[in-house]
Amino acid sequence: MWCKFIKLGLLLGLCNLSRGAIQTPDYDDTAAPEFLNPSWMATIPDKRPLSEINMPGTHNTMAVHGGVYAECQTWSLASQLRAGVRFLDVRVRHVKGNLTIHHGLVYQHAHFGHVLEGVQDFLASYPTETVLMRIKEELSETDNIYGAVVEHIRRYASWEMLWHSRLVPTMGQARGKLVILQDFVGPDLGMRYASMDIADDWKVPTLLHVEEKWQSVYEHLEAAPTGNKDQIFLTFSSGTGVFAVPRAVAERINPRLYNYLKAKTDLNQRFGIICMDFPAAPMIQTIIDFQLKAGVGKPPSIQPEQFFQVKKSLKMSHDGERKRSLSLF
């Protein structure tokens, strides 16, 4: 009986993952976004707190290596930021002061310094934007990464780039800055991750449990519009399990999320941060567009004739990042 169940789980979770990369309005596991929106925060009023802004995010932002059980994204960090992602979920392994990027056991051929440099480069190019970054220790379990994080910030970025407060900043206060969401012990480096209202029911044992996962996402999104406006809401649509790999879960959750948001577009609601695996550019834009309806102008988008050049340059950037990170370790 158990043997049959295991075979069923494997079939449900893996049978559709042998196909090539696909790009739909809600799900994208190709190498580059369909289109970009790198400066969408430029028209958000300075007085608006970040807790009232809807932001796209990526779960396990740097997890682009390791096969179907480890990979949660396919776009480079630069591509994600230029597509409009503003919340990054970064997992670091701490070994003798060194912080490498991991998803569980799988090394992601990247270093925390690369992430800081990427964010700093992006904010230098687009100073109207802000980036929120959850930093969490992964695999090493030393519970002592504070000193290493501080050293990496000094070495690869700058203190001036950080938002230095536990309080939720306004858009004006956050422009050009990295807001660290500190998911580790130590003195304050920014906001505390646990200060947000979070729904992260990531355990999806099999694809038969996708409905339960969606209910968690749905209920938290429904609560966000009337929730505490001084508190950032964070909803993870991602999930995984032995018989439900991240791609398979995202292929089923992302369409529901996209349809849910499309049905709400006339309501102009606050949802907060929605953190996803394999989001597509139209999904990201749908999240962005909610605040753009509240009397806020739409920033200029990339014109169709620029599209193929953009995809080509992003692919070159993606390949270049991989080669650089591999050469450093």
Protein backbone atom coordinates (compact mmCIF):
# COMPACT_ATOMS: atom_id res chain seq x y z
CA MET A 1 0.00 0.00 0.00
CA TRP A 2 2.77 2.45 1.01
CA CYS A 3 4.71 1.53 -2.10
CA LYS A 4 1.75 2.56 -4.26
CA PHE A 5 1.41 5.83 -2.36
CA ILE A 6 5.09 6.66 -2.83
CA LYS A 7 4.84 5.91 -6.55
CA LEU A 8 1.78 8.15 -6.78
CA GLY A 9 3.59 10.95 -5.00
CA LEU A 10 6.57 10.69 -7.28
CA LEU A 11 4.29 10.71 -10.29
CA LEU A 12 2.40 13.77 -9.05
CA GLY A 13 5.48 15.74 -8.10
CA LEU A 14 7.95 14.93 -10.83
CA CYS A 15 6.26 13.64 -13.97
CA ASN A 16 5.71 17.10 -15.46
CA LEU A 17 9.20 18.43 -14.75
CA SER A 18 11.01 16.87 -17.69
CA ARG A 19 9.61 19.47 -20.12
CA GLY A 20 11.46 22.58 -21.23
CA ALA A 21 11.26 25.99 -19.62
CA ILE A 22 7.92 27.76 -19.84
CA GLN A 23 6.76 31.36 -19.54
CA THR A 24 3.13 32.15 -18.72
CA PRO A 25 1.54 35.25 -17.13
CA ASP A 26 1.86 33.70 -13.67
CA TYR A 27 4.78 31.25 -13.83
CA ASP A 28 8.21 31.66 -15.43
CA ASP A 29 11.19 29.32 -15.23
CA THR A 30 13.01 30.76 -18.24
CA ALA A 31 16.34 32.56 -17.91
CA ALA A 32 15.01 36.13 -18.12
CA PRO A 33 11.78 38.07 -17.42
CA GLU A 34 9.36 38.81 -20.22
CA PHE A 35 9.64 42.55 -19.46
CA LEU A 36 11.14 44.86 -16.84
CA ASN A 37 9.95 47.53 -14.44
CA PRO A 38 13.05 48.65 -12.52
CA SER A 39 11.83 52.02 -11.18
CA TRP A 40 8.18 51.44 -10.30
CA MET A 41 8.57 52.97 -6.83
CA ALA A 42 9.50 56.37 -8.28
CA THR A 43 5.88 57.57 -8.32
CA ILE A 44 4.88 56.31 -4.87
CA PRO A 45 4.40 59.28 -2.49
CA ASP A 46 7.28 59.85 -0.07
CA LYS A 47 4.92 59.91 2.93
CA ARG A 48 3.50 56.45 2.30
CA PRO A 49 4.88 53.85 4.78
CA LEU A 50 6.26 50.62 3.36
CA SER A 51 3.60 48.77 5.34
CA GLU A 52 0.99 50.19 2.95
CA ILE A 53 2.84 49.30 -0.25
CA ASN A 54 2.26 46.07 -2.19
CA MET A 55 5.57 44.50 -3.16
CA PRO A 56 6.56 41.41 -5.15
CA GLY A 57 9.14 39.17 -3.50
CA THR A 58 11.00 35.95 -4.19
CA HIS A 59 11.36 33.02 -1.81
CA ASN A 60 14.92 31.68 -1.58
CA THR A 61 15.97 34.41 -3.98
CA MET A 62 19.36 32.97 -4.87
CA ALA A 63 18.30 29.30 -5.17
CA VAL A 64 18.99 28.74 -8.87
CA HIS A 65 21.13 25.58 -8.60
CA GLY A 66 20.70 22.03 -7.35
CA GLY A 67 17.93 20.43 -9.37
CA VAL A 68 14.18 20.30 -8.86
CA TYR A 69 14.29 19.92 -5.08
CA ALA A 70 16.57 22.92 -4.48
CA GLU A 71 15.78 25.41 -7.26
CA CYS A 72 13.18 28.08 -6.50
CA GLN A 73 14.12 30.69 -9.12
CA THR A 74 15.76 30.84 -12.54
CA TRP A 75 16.41 34.58 -12.88
CA SER A 76 19.63 36.21 -11.67
CA LEU A 77 19.47 38.68 -8.79
CA ALA A 78 19.87 41.59 -11.23
CA SER A 79 17.01 40.27 -13.37
CA GLN A 80 14.71 39.88 -10.38
CA LEU A 81 15.34 43.43 -9.15
CA ARG A 82 14.90 44.94 -12.61
CA ALA A 83 11.70 42.97 -13.10
CA GLY A 84 10.28 44.69 -10.02
CA VAL A 85 11.03 42.33 -7.11
CA ARG A 86 11.62 44.30 -3.91
CA PHE A 87 11.73 41.62 -1.20
CA LEU A 88 14.67 39.19 -1.16
CA ASP A 89 14.84 36.03 0.93
CA VAL A 90 18.56 35.31 1.46
CA ARG A 91 19.90 32.22 3.27
CA VAL A 92 23.56 32.17 4.37
CA ARG A 93 25.79 29.39 5.63
CA HIS A 94 28.30 30.59 8.24
CA VAL A 95 31.73 28.96 8.25
CA LYS A 96 34.59 30.76 10.02
CA GLY A 97 33.27 34.20 9.20
CA ASN A 98 32.46 33.33 5.61
CA LEU A 99 28.85 33.58 4.41
CA THR A 100 28.00 31.44 1.40
CA ILE A 101 24.54 31.20 -0.09
CA HIS A 102 22.71 27.92 0.45
CA HIS A 103 19.32 26.33 0.05
CA GLY A 104 19.50 23.56 2.60
CA LEU A 105 22.47 21.38 1.73
CA VAL A 106 22.87 22.86 -1.73
CA TYR A 107 25.52 25.53 -2.26
CA GLN A 108 24.26 28.14 -4.70
CA HIS A 109 27.65 29.15 -6.16
CA ALA A 110 27.29 32.58 -4.64
CA HIS A 111 28.47 34.57 -1.64
CA PHE A 112 26.66 37.06 0.58
CA GLY A 113 29.08 39.67 -0.70
CA HIS A 114 27.73 39.13 -4.22
CA VAL A 115 24.20 39.80 -2.98
CA LEU A 116 25.21 43.03 -1.24
CA GLU A 117 27.11 44.21 -4.31
CA GLY A 118 24.14 43.39 -6.54
CA VAL A 119 21.74 45.35 -4.35
CA GLN A 120 24.13 48.28 -4.06
CA ASP A 121 24.61 48.41 -7.84
CA PHE A 122 20.86 48.30 -8.38
CA LEU A 123 20.13 51.08 -5.87
CA ALA A 124 22.90 53.22 -7.37
CA SER A 125 21.25 52.86 -10.78
CA TYR A 126 17.70 53.32 -9.44
CA PRO A 127 17.88 55.56 -6.33
CA THR A 128 14.08 55.96 -6.21
CA GLU A 129 13.76 52.30 -5.16
CA THR A 130 14.26 50.39 -1.93
CA VAL A 131 15.05 46.72 -1.30
CA LEU A 132 13.93 44.66 1.70
CA MET A 133 16.12 41.68 2.51
CA ARG A 134 15.45 38.89 4.96
CA ILE A 135 18.75 37.39 6.14
CA LYS A 136 18.58 33.94 7.72
CA GLU A 137 21.20 31.38 8.66
CA GLU A 138 20.92 28.13 6.70
CA LEU A 139 22.50 24.71 7.38
CA SER A 140 25.35 25.84 9.69
CA GLU A 141 23.19 26.56 12.77
CA THR A 142 25.85 28.54 14.64
CA ASP A 143 23.29 31.15 15.81
CA ASN A 144 26.15 33.62 15.60
CA ILE A 145 26.15 35.30 12.19
CA TYR A 146 25.81 38.91 13.36
CA GLY A 147 29.53 39.68 13.29
CA ALA A 148 29.98 38.09 9.87
CA VAL A 149 27.02 40.01 8.44
CA VAL A 150 28.42 43.30 9.77
CA GLU A 151 31.84 42.54 8.31
CA HIS A 152 30.36 41.71 4.91
CA ILE A 153 28.36 44.96 4.88
CA ARG A 154 31.54 46.93 5.65
CA ARG A 155 33.51 45.07 2.99
CA TYR A 156 30.99 44.81 0.14
CA ALA A 157 28.53 47.67 0.73
CA SER A 158 28.27 50.63 3.10
CA TRP A 159 26.52 51.59 6.32
CA GLU A 160 24.95 54.55 4.56
CA MET A 161 23.01 52.15 2.35
CA LEU A 162 21.15 50.65 5.35
CA TRP A 163 17.94 51.74 7.05
CA HIS A 164 19.04 51.97 10.71
CA SER A 165 15.83 51.48 12.66
CA ARG A 166 13.35 48.86 13.80
CA LEU A 167 10.55 51.17 12.70
CA VAL A 168 8.82 50.82 9.35
CA PRO A 169 10.20 53.58 7.10
CA THR A 170 8.22 55.72 4.72
CA MET A 171 8.91 55.48 1.01
CA GLY A 172 10.87 58.74 1.18
CA GLN A 173 13.02 57.49 4.05
CA ALA A 174 13.70 54.16 2.32
CA ARG A 175 14.63 55.40 -1.16
CA GLY A 176 18.08 54.24 -2.17
CA LYS A 177 18.38 52.06 0.94
CA LEU A 178 18.52 48.40 1.88
CA VAL A 179 16.10 47.50 4.67
CA ILE A 180 17.47 44.44 6.46
CA LEU A 181 14.81 42.16 7.93
CA GLN A 182 16.92 40.58 10.62
CA ASP A 183 16.12 36.89 11.15
CA PHE A 184 19.04 36.24 13.51
CA VAL A 185 20.14 37.29 16.99
CA GLY A 186 22.27 40.34 17.72
CA PRO A 187 21.99 44.13 17.93
CA ASP A 188 19.70 45.85 15.45
CA LEU A 189 20.83 46.15 11.84
CA GLY A 190 17.38 47.18 10.66
CA MET A 191 13.89 45.85 11.15
CA ARG A 192 13.20 42.54 12.86
CA TYR A 193 11.80 39.87 10.55
CA ALA A 194 9.46 38.64 13.28
CA SER A 195 7.88 42.10 13.57
CA MET A 196 5.90 41.45 10.39
CA ASP A 197 2.62 39.56 10.07
CA ILE A 198 3.84 36.43 8.25
CA ALA A 199 2.15 33.44 6.62
CA ASP A 200 4.77 30.90 5.58
CA ASP A 201 3.15 27.47 5.58
CA TRP A 202 5.85 26.01 3.35
CA LYS A 203 5.30 22.31 4.06
CA VAL A 204 3.40 20.70 1.18
CA PRO A 205 3.98 16.94 1.60
CA THR A 206 2.41 16.00 -1.74
CA LEU A 207 0.53 17.76 -4.49
CA LEU A 208 -2.62 16.44 -2.88
CA HIS A 209 -1.95 19.08 -0.20
CA VAL A 210 -1.82 22.05 -2.57
CA GLU A 211 -5.38 23.02 -1.65
CA GLU A 212 -4.34 23.39 2.00
CA LYS A 213 -1.42 25.56 0.95
CA TRP A 214 -3.67 27.77 -1.15
CA GLN A 215 -6.08 28.20 1.75
CA SER A 216 -3.23 29.53 3.89
CA VAL A 217 -2.26 32.01 1.17
CA TYR A 218 -5.87 33.02 0.54
CA GLU A 219 -6.73 33.59 4.20
CA HIS A 220 -3.66 35.75 4.83
CA LEU A 221 -4.26 37.85 1.73
CA GLU A 222 -7.89 38.31 2.75
CA ALA A 223 -6.78 39.47 6.21
CA ALA A 224 -4.19 41.95 4.93
CA PRO A 225 -6.49 44.77 3.73
CA THR A 226 -8.04 45.21 7.18
CA GLY A 227 -4.95 44.25 9.17
CA ASN A 228 -2.72 46.59 11.16
CA LYS A 229 -1.60 49.26 8.66
CA ASP A 230 1.52 49.91 10.74
CA GLN A 231 2.65 46.32 10.27
CA ILE A 232 4.06 44.82 7.07
CA PHE A 233 2.14 41.77 5.87
CA LEU A 234 4.23 39.02 4.24
CA THR A 235 2.61 36.09 2.45
CA PHE A 236 4.66 33.21 1.04
CA SER A 237 2.97 31.41 -1.84
CA SER A 238 5.89 28.98 -2.07
CA GLY A 239 5.91 25.43 -0.77
CA THR A 240 7.73 22.13 -1.03
CA GLY A 241 7.76 18.55 0.18
CA VAL A 242 9.18 15.13 -0.60
CA PHE A 243 6.50 14.56 -3.21
CA ALA A 244 5.87 18.19 -4.16
CA VAL A 245 8.94 20.00 -5.46
CA PRO A 246 8.97 23.84 -5.61
CA ARG A 247 8.33 23.96 -9.37
CA ALA A 248 5.32 21.67 -9.16
CA VAL A 249 3.81 23.64 -6.27
CA ALA A 250 4.39 26.96 -8.04
CA GLU A 251 2.81 25.66 -11.25
CA ARG A 252 -0.39 25.06 -9.28
CA ILE A 253 -0.37 27.94 -6.77
CA ASN A 254 0.80 30.75 -9.07
CA PRO A 255 -2.23 30.56 -11.43
CA ARG A 256 -4.60 30.70 -8.45
CA LEU A 257 -2.73 33.66 -7.03
CA TYR A 258 -2.72 35.46 -10.37
CA ASN A 259 -6.46 34.92 -10.88
CA TYR A 260 -7.17 36.00 -7.30
CA LEU A 261 -5.25 39.25 -7.76
CA LYS A 262 -6.78 39.95 -11.18
CA ALA A 263 -10.24 39.62 -9.65
CA LYS A 264 -9.29 42.27 -7.06
CA THR A 265 -7.78 44.88 -9.36
CA ASP A 266 -10.67 47.34 -9.01
CA LEU A 267 -10.58 47.24 -5.20
CA ASN A 268 -7.18 48.88 -4.62
CA GLN A 269 -6.38 46.78 -1.55
CA ARG A 270 -3.27 46.52 0.61
CA PHE A 271 -1.81 43.00 0.47
CA GLY A 272 1.75 43.74 1.57
CA ILE A 273 4.61 41.59 0.31
CA ILE A 274 3.77 38.51 -1.74
CA CYS A 275 6.76 36.18 -1.88
CA MET A 276 6.81 33.63 -4.70
CA ASP A 277 8.70 30.85 -6.45
CA PHE A 278 9.12 31.30 -10.23
CA PRO A 279 6.97 34.44 -10.59
CA ALA A 280 6.34 35.77 -14.09
CA ALA A 281 6.67 39.42 -15.10
CA PRO A 282 2.87 39.89 -15.55
CA MET A 283 2.33 38.48 -12.04
CA ILE A 284 4.90 40.91 -10.63
CA GLN A 285 3.29 43.79 -12.53
CA THR A 286 -0.16 42.84 -11.24
CA ILE A 287 1.08 43.19 -7.64
CA ILE A 288 2.78 46.49 -8.44
CA ASP A 289 -0.31 47.90 -10.15
CA PHE A 290 -2.45 47.90 -7.02
CA GLN A 291 -0.86 51.03 -5.53
CA LEU A 292 -0.53 52.62 -8.96
CA LYS A 293 -4.31 52.90 -9.08
CA ALA A 294 -4.45 55.08 -5.96
CA GLY A 295 -3.84 58.36 -7.77
CA VAL A 296 -0.24 57.44 -8.45
CA GLY A 297 1.15 57.72 -11.96
CA LYS A 298 2.54 54.76 -13.80
CA PRO A 299 6.31 54.87 -14.45
CA PRO A 300 7.51 54.46 -18.03
CA SER A 301 7.81 50.85 -19.11
CA ILE A 302 10.20 49.29 -21.57
CA GLN A 303 8.92 49.62 -25.11
CA PRO A 304 8.27 46.51 -27.23
CA GLU A 305 11.06 47.34 -29.67
CA GLN A 306 13.52 47.21 -26.75
CA PHE A 307 12.30 43.85 -25.54
CA PHE A 308 14.64 41.47 -27.39
CA GLN A 309 17.70 43.58 -26.59
CA VAL A 310 16.72 43.55 -22.91
CA LYS A 311 16.33 39.77 -22.83
CA LYS A 312 19.69 39.37 -24.58
CA SER A 313 21.47 41.66 -22.11
CA LEU A 314 19.83 39.96 -19.13
CA LYS A 315 20.93 36.55 -20.36
CA MET A 316 24.50 37.84 -20.74
CA SER A 317 24.31 39.30 -17.22
CA HIS A 318 22.90 36.03 -15.86
CA ASP A 319 25.69 33.98 -17.44
CA GLY A 320 28.30 36.46 -16.32
CA GLU A 321 27.14 36.32 -12.71
CA ARG A 322 27.31 32.55 -12.70
CA LYS A 323 30.83 32.53 -14.16
CA ARG A 324 32.04 35.16 -11.68
CA SER A 325 30.64 33.37 -8.64
CA LEU A 326 32.03 30.02 -9.73
CA SER A 327 35.49 31.48 -10.19
CA LEU A 328 35.58 32.83 -6.63
CA PHE A 329 35.14 29.46 -4.89
